[in-house]
PDB file of N, CA and C in Angstrom:
ATOM      1  N   MET A   1       0.820  -1.126  -0.071  1.00  0.00           N
ATOM      2  CA  MET A   1      -0.048   0.137   0.073  1.00  0.00           C
ATOM      3  C   MET A   1       0.745   1.080  -0.068  1.00  0.00           C
ATOM      4  N   GLY A   2       2.038   1.450  -0.303  1.00  0.00           N
ATOM      5  CA  GLY A   2       2.991   2.606  -0.471  1.00  0.00           C
ATOM      6  C   GLY A   2       2.456   3.604  -1.696  1.00  0.00           C
ATOM      7  N   VAL A   3       3.242   4.394  -1.587  1.00  0.00           N
ATOM      8  CA  VAL A   3       3.018   5.489  -2.645  1.00  0.00           C
ATOM      9  C   VAL A   3       3.699   5.090  -4.022  1.00  0.00           C
ATOM     10  N   SER A   4       3.566   5.205  -5.101  1.00  0.00           N
ATOM     11  CA  SER A   4       4.524   4.917  -6.145  1.00  0.00           C
ATOM     12  C   SER A   4       4.957   6.261  -6.609  1.00  0.00           C
ATOM     13  N   VAL A   5       5.440   5.759  -7.481  1.00  0.00           N
ATOM     14  CA  VAL A   5       6.457   7.287  -7.950  1.00  0.00           C
ATOM     15  C   VAL A   5       5.090   7.563  -9.298  1.00  0.00           C
ATOM     16  N   THR A   6       4.751   6.563 -10.145  1.00  0.00           N
ATOM     17  CA  THR A   6       3.302   7.060 -10.599  1.00  0.00           C
ATOM     18  C   THR A   6       2.070   7.645 -10.440  1.00  0.00           C
ATOM     19  N   LYS A   7       1.671   7.048  -9.248  1.00  0.00           N
ATOM     20  CA  LYS A   7       0.808   7.503  -8.429  1.00  0.00           C
ATOM     21  C   LYS A   7       1.085   9.532  -8.256  1.00  0.00           C
ATOM     22  N   LEU A   8       2.367   9.662  -7.530  1.00  0.00           N
ATOM     23  CA  LEU A   8       2.823  11.140  -7.641  1.00  0.00           C
ATOM     24  C   LEU A   8       2.805  11.723  -9.051  1.00  0.00           C
ATOM     25  N   LEU A   9       3.172  11.630  -9.844  1.00  0.00           N
ATOM     26  CA  LEU A   9       3.583  12.019 -11.007  1.00  0.00           C
ATOM     27  C   LEU A   9       1.863  12.330 -11.488  1.00  0.00           C
ATOM     28  N   MET A  10       0.968  11.198 -11.300  1.00  0.00           N
ATOM     29  CA  MET A  10      -0.589  11.207 -11.986  1.00  0.00           C
ATOM     30  C   MET A  10      -1.256  12.671 -10.837  1.00  0.00           C
ATOM     31  N   LEU A  11      -0.397  12.692  -9.521  1.00  0.00           N
ATOM     32  CA  LEU A  11      -1.522  13.619  -8.858  1.00  0.00           C
ATOM     33  C   LEU A  11      -0.866  14.862  -9.084  1.00  0.00           C
ATOM     34  N   LEU A  12       0.446  15.118  -9.323  1.00  0.00           N
ATOM     35  CA  LEU A  12       1.049  16.568  -9.555  1.00  0.00           C
ATOM     36  C   LEU A  12       0.324  17.004 -11.242  1.00  0.00           C
ATOM     37  N   VAL A  13      -0.102  15.636 -12.084  1.00  0.00           N
ATOM     38  CA  VAL A  13      -0.609  16.358 -12.925  1.00  0.00           C
ATOM     39  C   VAL A  13      -1.742  16.514 -12.733  1.00  0.00           C
ATOM     40  N   ILE A  14      -2.208  16.150 -12.177  1.00  0.00           N
ATOM     41  CA  ILE A  14      -3.788  16.657 -11.754  1.00  0.00           C
ATOM     42  C   ILE A  14      -4.003  17.718 -11.165  1.00  0.00           C
ATOM     43  N   ILE A  15      -2.896  18.236 -10.198  1.00  0.00           N
ATOM     44  CA  ILE A  15      -2.961  19.563  -9.530  1.00  0.00           C
ATOM     45  C   ILE A  15      -2.664  20.348 -10.451  1.00  0.00           C
ATOM     46  N   VAL A  16      -1.539  20.017 -11.204  1.00  0.00           N
ATOM     47  CA  VAL A  16      -1.378  21.342 -12.375  1.00  0.00           C
ATOM     48  C   VAL A  16      -2.631  21.828 -13.364  1.00  0.00           C
ATOM     49  N   VAL A  17      -3.687  20.486 -13.570  1.00  0.00           N
ATOM     50  CA  VAL A  17      -4.191  20.955 -14.316  1.00  0.00           C
ATOM     51  C   VAL A  17      -6.108  21.483 -13.601  1.00  0.00           C
ATOM     52  N   VAL A  18      -5.471  21.097 -12.774  1.00  0.00           N
ATOM     53  CA  VAL A  18      -6.656  21.773 -11.498  1.00  0.00           C
ATOM     54  C   VAL A  18      -6.389  23.288 -11.714  1.00  0.00           C
ATOM     55  N   PHE A  19      -5.141  23.910 -10.499  1.00  0.00           N
ATOM     56  CA  PHE A  19      -4.888  24.967 -10.658  1.00  0.00           C
ATOM     57  C   PHE A  19      -4.034  25.607 -11.331  1.00  0.00           C
ATOM     58  N   GLY A  20      -3.195  25.156 -12.412  1.00  0.00           N
ATOM     59  CA  GLY A  20      -2.532  26.243 -13.258  1.00  0.00           C
ATOM     60  C   GLY A  20      -1.469  26.060 -12.646  1.00  0.00           C
ATOM     61  N   THR A  21       0.082  26.586 -13.825  1.00  0.00           N
ATOM     62  CA  THR A  21       1.085  26.950 -13.224  1.00  0.00           C
ATOM     63  C   THR A  21       1.606  28.063 -12.703  1.00  0.00           C
ATOM     64  N   LYS A  22       0.311  29.169 -13.042  1.00  0.00           N
ATOM     65  CA  LYS A  22       0.563  30.563 -12.914  1.00  0.00           C
ATOM     66  C   LYS A  22       0.574  30.637 -11.050  1.00  0.00           C
ATOM     67  N   ARG A  23      -0.932  29.922 -11.096  1.00  0.00           N
ATOM     68  CA  ARG A  23      -1.405  29.946  -9.372  1.00  0.00           C
ATOM     69  C   ARG A  23      -0.494  29.262  -8.499  1.00  0.00           C
ATOM     70  N   LEU A  24      -0.055  27.882  -9.265  1.00  0.00           N
ATOM     71  CA  LEU A  24       0.518  26.842  -8.320  1.00  0.00           C
ATOM     72  C   LEU A  24       2.407  28.105  -8.124  1.00  0.00           C
ATOM     73  N   ARG A  25       2.832  29.062  -8.865  1.00  0.00           N
ATOM     74  CA  ARG A  25       4.228  29.566  -8.565  1.00  0.00           C
ATOM     75  C   ARG A  25       3.732  30.597  -7.881  1.00  0.00           C
ATOM     76  N   ASN A  26       2.706  31.100  -7.976  1.00  0.00           N
ATOM     77  CA  ASN A  26       1.964  32.241  -6.738  1.00  0.00           C
ATOM     78  C   ASN A  26       1.759  31.566  -5.303  1.00  0.00           C
ATOM     79  N   ILE A  27       1.672  30.518  -5.115  1.00  0.00           N
ATOM     80  CA  ILE A  27       1.656  29.493  -3.778  1.00  0.00           C
ATOM     81  C   ILE A  27       2.699  29.401  -3.264  1.00  0.00           C
ATOM     82  N   GLY A  28       3.727  29.263  -4.417  1.00  0.00           N
ATOM     83  CA  GLY A  28       4.861  28.929  -4.043  1.00  0.00           C
ATOM     84  C   GLY A  28       5.831  29.682  -3.511  1.00  0.00           C
ATOM     85  N   SER A  29       5.250  31.196  -4.233  1.00  0.00           N
ATOM     86  CA  SER A  29       6.318  32.002  -3.551  1.00  0.00           C
ATOM     87  C   SER A  29       5.494  33.187  -2.138  1.00  0.00           C
ATOM     88  N   ASP A  30       4.486  32.524  -2.675  1.00  0.00           N
ATOM     89  CA  ASP A  30       3.746  33.339  -1.178  1.00  0.00           C
ATOM     90  C   ASP A  30       4.210  32.428  -0.007  1.00  0.00           C
ATOM     91  N   LEU A  31       4.297  31.144  -0.195  1.00  0.00           N
ATOM     92  CA  LEU A  31       4.444  30.295   1.332  1.00  0.00           C
ATOM     93  C   LEU A  31       5.953  30.043   1.744  1.00  0.00           C
ATOM     94  N   GLY A  32       6.724  30.465   0.420  1.00  0.00           N
ATOM     95  CA  GLY A  32       8.652  30.907   0.843  1.00  0.00           C
ATOM     96  C   GLY A  32       8.175  32.289   1.519  1.00  0.00           C
ATOM     97  N   ASP A  33       7.534  33.182   0.950  1.00  0.00           N
ATOM     98  CA  ASP A  33       7.586  34.809   2.028  1.00  0.00           C
ATOM     99  C   ASP A  33       6.940  34.279   3.526  1.00  0.00           C
ATOM    100  N   ALA A  34       6.471  33.782   3.435  1.00  0.00           N
ATOM    101  CA  ALA A  34       5.862  33.309   4.854  1.00  0.00           C
ATOM    102  C   ALA A  34       6.691  32.464   5.554  1.00  0.00           C
ATOM    103  N   ILE A  35       7.693  32.073   5.108  1.00  0.00           N
ATOM    104  CA  ILE A  35       8.751  30.952   6.151  1.00  0.00           C
ATOM    105  C   ILE A  35       9.999  32.198   6.384  1.00  0.00           C
ATOM    106  N   LYS A  36       9.955  32.877   5.727  1.00  0.00           N
ATOM    107  CA  LYS A  36      11.067  33.927   5.676  1.00  0.00           C
ATOM    108  C   LYS A  36      10.915  35.058   6.421  1.00  0.00           C
ATOM    109  N   GLY A  37       9.298  35.196   7.066  1.00  0.00           N
ATOM    110  CA  GLY A  37       8.878  36.246   7.855  1.00  0.00           C
ATOM    111  C   GLY A  37       8.846  35.199   8.981  1.00  0.00           C
ATOM    112  N   PHE A  38       8.437  34.232   9.300  1.00  0.00           N
ATOM    113  CA  PHE A  38       8.619  33.632  10.576  1.00  0.00           C
ATOM    114  C   PHE A  38       9.993  33.621  11.185  1.00  0.00           C
ATOM    115  N   ARG A  39      10.798  33.175   9.995  1.00  0.00           N
ATOM    116  CA  ARG A  39      12.347  33.167  10.640  1.00  0.00           C
ATOM    117  C   ARG A  39      12.686  34.201  11.021  1.00  0.00           C
ATOM    118  N   SER A  40      12.766  35.713  10.272  1.00  0.00           N
ATOM    119  CA  SER A  40      12.755  36.838  10.778  1.00  0.00           C
ATOM    120  C   SER A  40      11.883  36.890  12.200  1.00  0.00           C
ATOM    121  N   ALA A  41      10.679  36.568  12.334  1.00  0.00           N
ATOM    122  CA  ALA A  41       9.944  37.086  13.446  1.00  0.00           C
ATOM    123  C   ALA A  41      10.721  36.597  14.970  1.00  0.00           C
ATOM    124  N   ILE A  42      11.073  35.171  14.595  1.00  0.00           N
ATOM    125  CA  ILE A  42      11.826  34.258  15.881  1.00  0.00           C
ATOM    126  C   ILE A  42      13.032  35.158  16.330  1.00  0.00           C
ATOM    127  N   LYS A  43      13.668  35.646  14.713  1.00  0.00           N
ATOM    128  CA  LYS A  43      15.396  36.062  15.376  1.00  0.00           C
ATOM    129  C   LYS A  43      14.830  37.552  15.890  1.00  0.00           C
ATOM    130  N   GLU A  44      13.965  38.218  15.500  1.00  0.00           N
ATOM    131  CA  GLU A  44      13.658  39.505  16.530  1.00  0.00           C
ATOM    132  C   GLU A  44      13.415  38.982  17.965  1.00  0.00           C
ATOM    133  N   GLY A  45      12.424  37.960  18.005  1.00  0.00           N
ATOM    134  CA  GLY A  45      12.248  37.918  19.632  1.00  0.00           C
ATOM    135  C   GLY A  45      13.297  37.235  20.298  1.00  0.00           C
ATOM    136  N   GLU A  46      13.961  36.868  19.794  1.00  0.00           N
ATOM    137  CA  GLU A  46      15.026  36.417  20.535  1.00  0.00           C
ATOM    138  C   GLU A  46      16.330  36.843  21.123  1.00  0.00           C
ATOM    139  N   GLU A  47      16.246  38.017  19.813  1.00  0.00           N
ATOM    140  CA  GLU A  47      17.256  39.296  20.162  1.00  0.00           C
ATOM    141  C   GLU A  47      16.730  40.380  20.724  1.00  0.00           C
ATOM    142  N   GLU A  48      15.194  40.343  21.361  1.00  0.00           N
ATOM    143  CA  GLU A  48      14.660  41.053  22.456  1.00  0.00           C
ATOM    144  C   GLU A  48      14.676  40.775  23.480  1.00  0.00           C
ATOM    145  N   LYS A  49      14.875  39.347  23.814  1.00  0.00           N
ATOM    146  CA  LYS A  49      15.272  38.893  25.108  1.00  0.00           C
ATOM    147  C   LYS A  49      16.383  39.183  25.212  1.00  0.00           C
ATOM    148  N   VAL A  50      17.481  38.635  24.501  1.00  0.00           N
ATOM    149  CA  VAL A  50      18.697  39.307  25.100  1.00  0.00           C
ATOM    150  C   VAL A  50      18.528  40.564  25.490  1.00  0.00           C
ATOM    151  N   THR A  51      18.344  41.746  24.572  1.00  0.00           N
ATOM    152  CA  THR A  51      18.487  43.098  25.265  1.00  0.00           C
ATOM    153  C   THR A  51      17.491  43.269  26.588  1.00  0.00           C
ATOM    154  N   GLU A  52      16.494  42.955  26.767  1.00  0.00           N
ATOM    155  CA  GLU A  52      15.668  42.501  28.412  1.00  0.00           C
ATOM    156  C   GLU A  52      16.597  42.119  29.204  1.00  0.00           C
ATOM    157  N   ASN A  53      17.146  41.271  28.985  1.00  0.00           N
ATOM    158  CA  ASN A  53      18.020  40.185  29.896  1.00  0.00           C
ATOM    159  C   ASN A  53      19.258  41.446  30.350  1.00  0.00           C
ATOM    160  N   ASP A  54      19.693  42.418  29.165  1.00  0.00           N
ATOM    161  CA  ASP A  54      20.895  42.680  29.453  1.00  0.00           C
ATOM    162  C   ASP A  54      20.561  43.794  30.052  1.00  0.00           C
ATOM    163  N   GLY A  55      19.538  44.776  30.270  1.00  0.00           N
ATOM    164  CA  GLY A  55      19.265  45.585  30.841  1.00  0.00           C
ATOM    165  C   GLY A  55      19.006  45.465  32.690  1.00  0.00           C
ATOM    166  N   ASP A  56      18.414  44.191  32.680  1.00  0.00           N
ATOM    167  CA  ASP A  56      18.114  43.672  33.956  1.00  0.00           C
ATOM    168  C   ASP A  56      19.184  43.830  35.070  1.00  0.00           C
ATOM    169  N   ALA A  57      19.078  44.559  35.976  1.00  0.00           N
ATOM    170  CA  ALA A  57      19.920  45.131  37.412  1.00  0.00           C
ATOM    171  C   ALA A  57      19.615  43.922  38.316  1.00  0.00           C
ATOM    172  N   ASN A  58      18.254  43.317  38.570  1.00  0.00           N
ATOM    173  CA  ASN A  58      18.130  42.461  39.453  1.00  0.00           C
ATOM    174  C   ASN A  58      18.636  40.976  39.346  1.00  0.00           C
ATOM    175  N   ILE A  59      19.489  40.852  38.421  1.00  0.00           N
ATOM    176  CA  ILE A  59      19.854  39.598  38.030  1.00  0.00           C
ATOM    177  C   ILE A  59      21.640  39.814  38.919  1.00  0.00           C
ATOM    178  N   ILE A  60      21.813  38.704  39.543  1.00  0.00           N
ATOM    179  CA  ILE A  60      22.837  38.477  40.432  1.00  0.00           C
ATOM    180  C   ILE A  60      23.549  37.680  40.259  1.00  0.00           C
ATOM    181  N   ASP A  61      24.704  37.133  39.673  1.00  0.00           N
ATOM    182  CA  ASP A  61      25.210  35.855  39.600  1.00  0.00           C
ATOM    183  C   ASP A  61      26.441  35.791  40.478  1.00  0.00           C
ATOM    184  N   GLY A  62      26.333  34.800  40.283  1.00  0.00           N
ATOM    185  CA  GLY A  62      27.029  34.222  41.900  1.00  0.00           C
ATOM    186  C   GLY A  62      27.090  32.801  42.407  1.00  0.00           C
ATOM    187  N   GLU A  63      27.825  32.375  43.255  1.00  0.00           N
ATOM    188  CA  GLU A  63      28.012  30.871  44.061  1.00  0.00           C
ATOM    189  C   GLU A  63      27.683  30.587  45.201  1.00  0.00           C
ATOM    190  N   ILE A  64      27.334  30.070  46.123  1.00  0.00           N
ATOM    191  CA  ILE A  64      27.133  30.001  47.581  1.00  0.00           C
ATOM    192  C   ILE A  64      28.127  28.601  47.682  1.00  0.00           C
ATOM    193  N   SER A  65      29.098  29.288  48.450  1.00  0.00           N
ATOM    194  CA  SER A  65      30.072  28.680  48.773  1.00  0.00           C
ATOM    195  C   SER A  65      29.609  27.626  50.350  1.00  0.00           C
ATOM    196  N   ALA A  66      28.921  28.506  51.229  1.00  0.00           N
ATOM    197  CA  ALA A  66      28.655  27.697  52.468  1.00  0.00           C
ATOM    198  C   ALA A  66      27.682  28.134  53.053  1.00  0.00           C
ATOM    199  N   LYS A  67      26.396  27.301  53.618  1.00  0.00           N
ATOM    200  CA  LYS A  67      24.960  27.572  54.573  1.00  0.00           C
ATOM    201  C   LYS A  67      25.422  28.074  55.254  1.00  0.00           C
ATOM    202  N   GLN A  68      24.589  29.269  56.105  1.00  0.00           N
ATOM    203  CA  GLN A  68      24.580  29.833  57.237  1.00  0.00           C
ATOM    204  C   GLN A  68      24.005  29.282  58.078  1.00  0.00           C
ATOM    205  N   THR A  69      24.076  28.879  59.195  1.00  0.00           N
ATOM    206  CA  THR A  69      22.953  28.675  59.840  1.00  0.00           C
ATOM    207  C   THR A  69      22.738  29.877  60.890  1.00  0.00           C
ATOM    208  N   ASP A  70      21.444  29.926  61.347  1.00  0.00           N
ATOM    209  CA  ASP A  70      21.468  31.321  62.290  1.00  0.00           C
ATOM    210  C   ASP A  70      20.457  30.266  63.569  1.00  0.00           C
ATOM    211  N   LYS A  71      21.388  30.187  64.711  1.00  0.00           N
ATOM    212  CA  LYS A  71      20.405  29.682  65.867  1.00  0.00           C
ATOM    213  C   LYS A  71      19.765  30.526  66.984  1.00  0.00           C
ATOM    214  N   SER A  72      19.670  31.305  66.132  1.00  0.00           N
ATOM    215  CA  SER A  72      18.074  32.317  66.958  1.00  0.00           C
ATOM    216  C   SER A  72      16.706  31.564  66.658  1.00  0.00           C
ATOM    217  N   ASP A  73      16.858  30.907  65.558  1.00  0.00           N
ATOM    218  CA  ASP A  73      15.329  30.326  65.155  1.00  0.00           C
ATOM    219  C   ASP A  73      15.596  28.611  65.485  1.00  0.00           C
ATOM    220  N   SER A  74      16.400  28.023  66.237  1.00  0.00           N
ATOM    221  CA  SER A  74      16.447  26.791  66.424  1.00  0.00           C
ATOM    222  C   SER A  74      15.842  26.583  67.813  1.00  0.00           C
ATOM    223  N   HIS A  75      14.749  25.185  67.889  1.00  0.00           N
ATOM    224  CA  HIS A  75      13.887  24.864  68.610  1.00  0.00           C
ATOM    225  C   HIS A  75      14.470  24.135  70.015  1.00  0.00           C
ATOM    226  N   VAL A  76      13.917  24.510  71.166  1.00  0.00           N
ATOM    227  CA  VAL A  76      14.935  24.122  72.457  1.00  0.00           C
ATOM    228  C   VAL A  76      13.999  22.353  72.719  1.00  0.00           C
TER     229      VAL A  76
END
């Protein structure tokens, strides 16, 4: 029940007859433009995240070297 090359060619011929080559070319270019726009929007979103994090003064980079214990909270 696989798809053979002849079935794919027949499907392609039917699509060309129904839609025409000009409309298929327009659909292909529109699809390509949509993909390019999507990729550029993703890049812009990533760049905005980076610039937002660069200006954030609340981020503190560091490492905890030892845990401090508070003896005033111990239970008797």
